[in-house]
Each structure stands twice: as structure tokens, then as C-alpha cells.
Amino acid sequence: MTTISIRLDDDEKKELEEMCSTMGMSISTFYMLYTKKALRDRRIPFEITAPKDPFYSTANIKQLKKADQQVKEGKVIEKSIEELEALERE
């Protein structure tokens, strides 16, 4: 047998201890089960994904569609960079 040390946030460790306790096991047993499952299946036993690009979030797409509609309806104000810089100096 070997010993493995890991670092956990104090609050996460406490929450994990409480969860494991309700299941009748220790954190050590939890990690042993996790390891056995990973080795048996030859994969991480849960899905890992990268966060989506926030540009394509539902809220942003909604805003882009709204802005597109405003452009189509002529509800936009166009200013050159010089005009914007002049407004900034005011």
C-alpha cells in the first residue's frame, strides 16, 4: 500500500467528509472507489468539458439578435471614431 496526499479547500473537504459520511464511507474509501472505477473503465468516471466561449452564450446571442434587429429598423446612431473621441473630451 502507498499513501497519496492531496490538497483540498477546507470547505470542500468538510463538505466531502459530510457527503461520504452520509454514504457510510470515509474520504479515503471514496478515493479508492474512484480509482478502482477509473482503472476498470479506463476513463475518468465523469464528463470533463471546457467552458463554452461566452460569446456564444444564450444571453449574448439574444443581445446580438436584438442589436441586429435595431440596425435593420434604423434605430442606431452612427458616429466616427473622431466624433466619439470628441464626446469623450467634453
N, C-alpha and C. Protein backbone atom coordinates (compact mmCIF):
# COMPACT_ATOMS: atom_id res chain seq x y z
N MET A 1 0.84 -1.19 0.00
CA MET A 1 0.00 0.00 0.00
C MET A 1 0.88 1.24 0.00
N THR A 2 0.35 2.29 -0.60
CA THR A 2 1.05 3.57 -0.62
C THR A 2 0.11 4.66 -0.13
N THR A 3 0.68 5.77 0.25
CA THR A 3 -0.11 6.91 0.71
C THR A 3 0.00 8.03 -0.31
N ILE A 4 -1.12 8.65 -0.62
CA ILE A 4 -1.17 9.78 -1.53
C ILE A 4 -1.74 10.97 -0.77
N SER A 5 -1.09 12.10 -0.88
CA SER A 5 -1.59 13.32 -0.24
C SER A 5 -2.16 14.25 -1.31
N ILE A 6 -3.29 14.86 -1.03
CA ILE A 6 -3.87 15.84 -1.94
C ILE A 6 -4.23 17.09 -1.14
N ARG A 7 -4.32 18.20 -1.84
CA ARG A 7 -4.69 19.45 -1.19
C ARG A 7 -6.12 19.79 -1.61
N LEU A 8 -6.94 20.11 -0.63
CA LEU A 8 -8.33 20.50 -0.86
C LEU A 8 -8.62 21.78 -0.09
N ASP A 9 -9.50 22.56 -0.63
CA ASP A 9 -10.02 23.71 0.10
C ASP A 9 -10.70 23.19 1.37
N ASP A 10 -10.53 23.90 2.48
CA ASP A 10 -11.09 23.43 3.76
C ASP A 10 -12.59 23.18 3.69
N ASP A 11 -13.31 24.11 3.05
CA ASP A 11 -14.77 23.97 2.96
C ASP A 11 -15.16 22.77 2.09
N GLU A 12 -14.42 22.57 1.00
CA GLU A 12 -14.72 21.43 0.13
C GLU A 12 -14.43 20.12 0.84
N LYS A 13 -13.34 20.07 1.62
CA LYS A 13 -13.01 18.85 2.37
C LYS A 13 -14.12 18.54 3.37
N LYS A 14 -14.58 19.56 4.07
CA LYS A 14 -15.65 19.36 5.06
C LYS A 14 -16.92 18.85 4.37
N GLU A 15 -17.25 19.46 3.24
CA GLU A 15 -18.45 19.04 2.51
C GLU A 15 -18.31 17.61 2.00
N LEU A 16 -17.11 17.27 1.51
CA LEU A 16 -16.87 15.90 1.04
C LEU A 16 -16.95 14.90 2.19
N GLU A 17 -16.39 15.27 3.34
CA GLU A 17 -16.47 14.40 4.52
C GLU A 17 -17.93 14.15 4.91
N GLU A 18 -18.73 15.21 4.90
CA GLU A 18 -20.15 15.07 5.25
C GLU A 18 -20.88 14.19 4.24
N MET A 19 -20.61 14.39 2.96
CA MET A 19 -21.25 13.58 1.92
C MET A 19 -20.87 12.11 2.07
N CYS A 20 -19.57 11.86 2.23
CA CYS A 20 -19.10 10.49 2.38
C CYS A 20 -19.69 9.85 3.63
N SER A 21 -19.77 10.60 4.71
CA SER A 21 -20.32 10.09 5.95
C SER A 21 -21.76 9.63 5.77
N THR A 22 -22.54 10.42 5.02
CA THR A 22 -23.94 10.02 4.79
C THR A 22 -24.03 8.75 3.96
N MET A 23 -22.96 8.44 3.22
CA MET A 23 -22.92 7.22 2.42
C MET A 23 -22.23 6.09 3.16
N GLY A 24 -21.81 6.36 4.40
CA GLY A 24 -21.17 5.33 5.21
C GLY A 24 -19.75 5.02 4.83
N MET A 25 -19.01 6.03 4.34
CA MET A 25 -17.61 5.80 3.97
C MET A 25 -16.76 7.00 4.34
N SER A 26 -15.47 6.78 4.31
CA SER A 26 -14.51 7.85 4.57
C SER A 26 -14.06 8.46 3.24
N ILE A 27 -13.34 9.57 3.33
CA ILE A 27 -12.77 10.16 2.11
C ILE A 27 -11.79 9.19 1.47
N SER A 28 -11.04 8.48 2.27
CA SER A 28 -10.09 7.51 1.75
C SER A 28 -10.82 6.44 0.92
N THR A 29 -11.94 5.94 1.44
CA THR A 29 -12.74 4.95 0.72
C THR A 29 -13.29 5.55 -0.57
N PHE A 30 -13.74 6.80 -0.49
CA PHE A 30 -14.25 7.49 -1.68
C PHE A 30 -13.20 7.50 -2.79
N TYR A 31 -11.96 7.90 -2.45
CA TYR A 31 -10.92 7.96 -3.48
C TYR A 31 -10.51 6.58 -3.95
N MET A 32 -10.57 5.59 -3.09
CA MET A 32 -10.25 4.23 -3.50
C MET A 32 -11.30 3.74 -4.52
N LEU A 33 -12.59 4.00 -4.22
CA LEU A 33 -13.65 3.63 -5.17
C LEU A 33 -13.50 4.36 -6.50
N TYR A 34 -13.18 5.65 -6.42
CA TYR A 34 -12.98 6.46 -7.62
C TYR A 34 -11.85 5.88 -8.47
N THR A 35 -10.74 5.54 -7.82
CA THR A 35 -9.59 4.98 -8.52
C THR A 35 -9.93 3.65 -9.17
N LYS A 36 -10.60 2.77 -8.43
CA LYS A 36 -10.97 1.45 -8.99
C LYS A 36 -11.89 1.60 -10.18
N LYS A 37 -12.85 2.52 -10.10
CA LYS A 37 -13.78 2.75 -11.22
C LYS A 37 -13.02 3.28 -12.44
N ALA A 38 -12.12 4.23 -12.22
CA ALA A 38 -11.34 4.79 -13.33
C ALA A 38 -10.48 3.72 -13.99
N LEU A 39 -9.84 2.90 -13.19
CA LEU A 39 -8.99 1.84 -13.74
C LEU A 39 -9.80 0.77 -14.45
N ARG A 40 -10.94 0.41 -13.90
CA ARG A 40 -11.78 -0.62 -14.51
C ARG A 40 -12.32 -0.15 -15.87
N ASP A 41 -12.79 1.12 -15.93
CA ASP A 41 -13.38 1.65 -17.15
C ASP A 41 -12.35 2.26 -18.10
N ARG A 42 -11.13 2.48 -17.59
CA ARG A 42 -10.05 3.10 -18.35
C ARG A 42 -10.45 4.49 -18.84
N ARG A 43 -11.15 5.20 -17.96
CA ARG A 43 -11.55 6.58 -18.25
C ARG A 43 -11.89 7.27 -16.94
N ILE A 44 -11.91 8.59 -16.98
CA ILE A 44 -12.35 9.34 -15.81
C ILE A 44 -13.84 9.09 -15.66
N PRO A 45 -14.30 8.74 -14.48
CA PRO A 45 -15.70 8.32 -14.33
C PRO A 45 -16.74 9.45 -14.29
N PHE A 46 -16.43 10.55 -14.91
CA PHE A 46 -17.40 11.63 -15.10
C PHE A 46 -16.94 12.45 -16.28
N GLU A 47 -17.84 13.21 -16.85
CA GLU A 47 -17.54 14.01 -18.02
C GLU A 47 -16.80 15.28 -17.63
N ILE A 48 -15.73 15.57 -18.36
CA ILE A 48 -15.00 16.82 -18.17
C ILE A 48 -15.15 17.61 -19.46
N THR A 49 -15.59 18.84 -19.33
CA THR A 49 -15.78 19.67 -20.51
C THR A 49 -15.12 21.03 -20.29
N ALA A 50 -14.77 21.65 -21.38
CA ALA A 50 -14.24 23.02 -21.31
C ALA A 50 -15.42 23.97 -21.39
N PRO A 51 -15.34 25.09 -20.68
CA PRO A 51 -16.44 26.04 -20.74
C PRO A 51 -16.61 26.56 -22.16
N LYS A 52 -17.84 26.81 -22.52
CA LYS A 52 -18.12 27.35 -23.84
C LYS A 52 -17.62 28.78 -23.93
N ASP A 53 -17.34 29.19 -25.14
CA ASP A 53 -16.95 30.58 -25.38
C ASP A 53 -18.13 31.46 -24.99
N PRO A 54 -17.93 32.41 -24.05
CA PRO A 54 -19.05 33.24 -23.58
C PRO A 54 -19.69 34.05 -24.69
N PHE A 55 -18.98 34.25 -25.79
CA PHE A 55 -19.56 34.98 -26.92
C PHE A 55 -20.83 34.29 -27.42
N TYR A 56 -20.84 32.95 -27.35
CA TYR A 56 -21.97 32.19 -27.85
C TYR A 56 -22.98 31.83 -26.77
N SER A 57 -22.93 32.49 -25.64
CA SER A 57 -23.90 32.23 -24.58
C SER A 57 -25.29 32.64 -25.03
N THR A 58 -26.29 32.05 -24.43
CA THR A 58 -27.68 32.36 -24.78
C THR A 58 -27.97 33.84 -24.61
N ALA A 59 -27.50 34.41 -23.51
CA ALA A 59 -27.76 35.84 -23.25
C ALA A 59 -27.11 36.72 -24.30
N ASN A 60 -25.88 36.39 -24.70
CA ASN A 60 -25.19 37.21 -25.69
C ASN A 60 -25.84 37.07 -27.06
N ILE A 61 -26.23 35.87 -27.44
CA ILE A 61 -26.90 35.67 -28.73
C ILE A 61 -28.19 36.48 -28.77
N LYS A 62 -28.92 36.50 -27.65
CA LYS A 62 -30.15 37.28 -27.57
C LYS A 62 -29.85 38.77 -27.80
N GLN A 63 -28.79 39.27 -27.16
CA GLN A 63 -28.41 40.68 -27.33
C GLN A 63 -27.97 40.97 -28.76
N LEU A 64 -27.24 40.04 -29.37
CA LEU A 64 -26.80 40.23 -30.75
C LEU A 64 -27.99 40.28 -31.70
N LYS A 65 -28.97 39.41 -31.48
CA LYS A 65 -30.18 39.42 -32.32
C LYS A 65 -30.95 40.73 -32.14
N LYS A 66 -31.02 41.19 -30.88
CA LYS A 66 -31.70 42.45 -30.60
C LYS A 66 -30.99 43.61 -31.32
N ALA A 67 -29.67 43.63 -31.23
CA ALA A 67 -28.88 44.68 -31.89
C ALA A 67 -29.05 44.61 -33.40
N ASP A 68 -29.05 43.40 -33.95
CA ASP A 68 -29.24 43.22 -35.39
C ASP A 68 -30.61 43.77 -35.82
N GLN A 69 -31.63 43.49 -35.03
CA GLN A 69 -32.97 43.98 -35.33
C GLN A 69 -33.00 45.51 -35.28
N GLN A 70 -32.33 46.10 -34.30
CA GLN A 70 -32.28 47.56 -34.20
C GLN A 70 -31.59 48.18 -35.41
N VAL A 71 -30.54 47.53 -35.89
CA VAL A 71 -29.85 48.01 -37.09
C VAL A 71 -30.81 47.95 -38.28
N LYS A 72 -31.52 46.83 -38.43
CA LYS A 72 -32.46 46.67 -39.55
C LYS A 72 -33.57 47.71 -39.49
N GLU A 73 -33.97 48.11 -38.29
CA GLU A 73 -35.04 49.09 -38.12
C GLU A 73 -34.52 50.52 -38.13
N GLY A 74 -33.21 50.68 -38.31
CA GLY A 74 -32.63 52.02 -38.35
C GLY A 74 -32.56 52.71 -37.00
N LYS A 75 -32.61 51.94 -35.94
CA LYS A 75 -32.61 52.50 -34.59
C LYS A 75 -31.19 52.56 -34.02
N VAL A 76 -30.24 52.98 -34.83
CA VAL A 76 -28.86 53.07 -34.38
C VAL A 76 -28.32 54.47 -34.66
N ILE A 77 -27.34 54.85 -33.89
CA ILE A 77 -26.68 56.12 -34.10
C ILE A 77 -25.26 55.81 -34.54
N GLU A 78 -24.87 56.34 -35.68
CA GLU A 78 -23.53 56.09 -36.19
C GLU A 78 -22.65 57.30 -35.92
N LYS A 79 -21.47 57.05 -35.39
CA LYS A 79 -20.50 58.11 -35.13
C LYS A 79 -19.12 57.61 -35.55
N SER A 80 -18.32 58.51 -36.05
CA SER A 80 -16.95 58.16 -36.40
C SER A 80 -16.13 58.11 -35.11
N ILE A 81 -14.94 57.56 -35.21
CA ILE A 81 -14.07 57.49 -34.05
C ILE A 81 -13.71 58.89 -33.56
N GLU A 82 -13.55 59.80 -34.51
CA GLU A 82 -13.24 61.18 -34.14
C GLU A 82 -14.38 61.81 -33.34
N GLU A 83 -15.61 61.56 -33.77
CA GLU A 83 -16.77 62.08 -33.05
C GLU A 83 -16.86 61.49 -31.64
N LEU A 84 -16.58 60.21 -31.51
CA LEU A 84 -16.60 59.57 -30.21
C LEU A 84 -15.51 60.13 -29.30
N GLU A 85 -14.33 60.34 -29.86
CA GLU A 85 -13.25 60.91 -29.07
C GLU A 85 -13.57 62.33 -28.64
N ALA A 86 -14.25 63.09 -29.49
CA ALA A 86 -14.65 64.45 -29.15
C ALA A 86 -15.67 64.43 -28.01
N LEU A 87 -16.60 63.47 -28.05
CA LEU A 87 -17.58 63.34 -26.97
C LEU A 87 -16.88 63.00 -25.64
N GLU A 88 -15.85 62.20 -25.72
CA GLU A 88 -15.12 61.80 -24.53
C GLU A 88 -14.43 63.02 -23.89
N ARG A 89 -13.93 63.94 -24.70
CA ARG A 89 -13.22 65.12 -24.19
C ARG A 89 -14.16 66.14 -23.59
N GLU A 90 -15.46 66.08 -23.90
CA GLU A 90 -16.43 67.07 -23.39
C GLU A 90 -16.67 66.95 -21.93
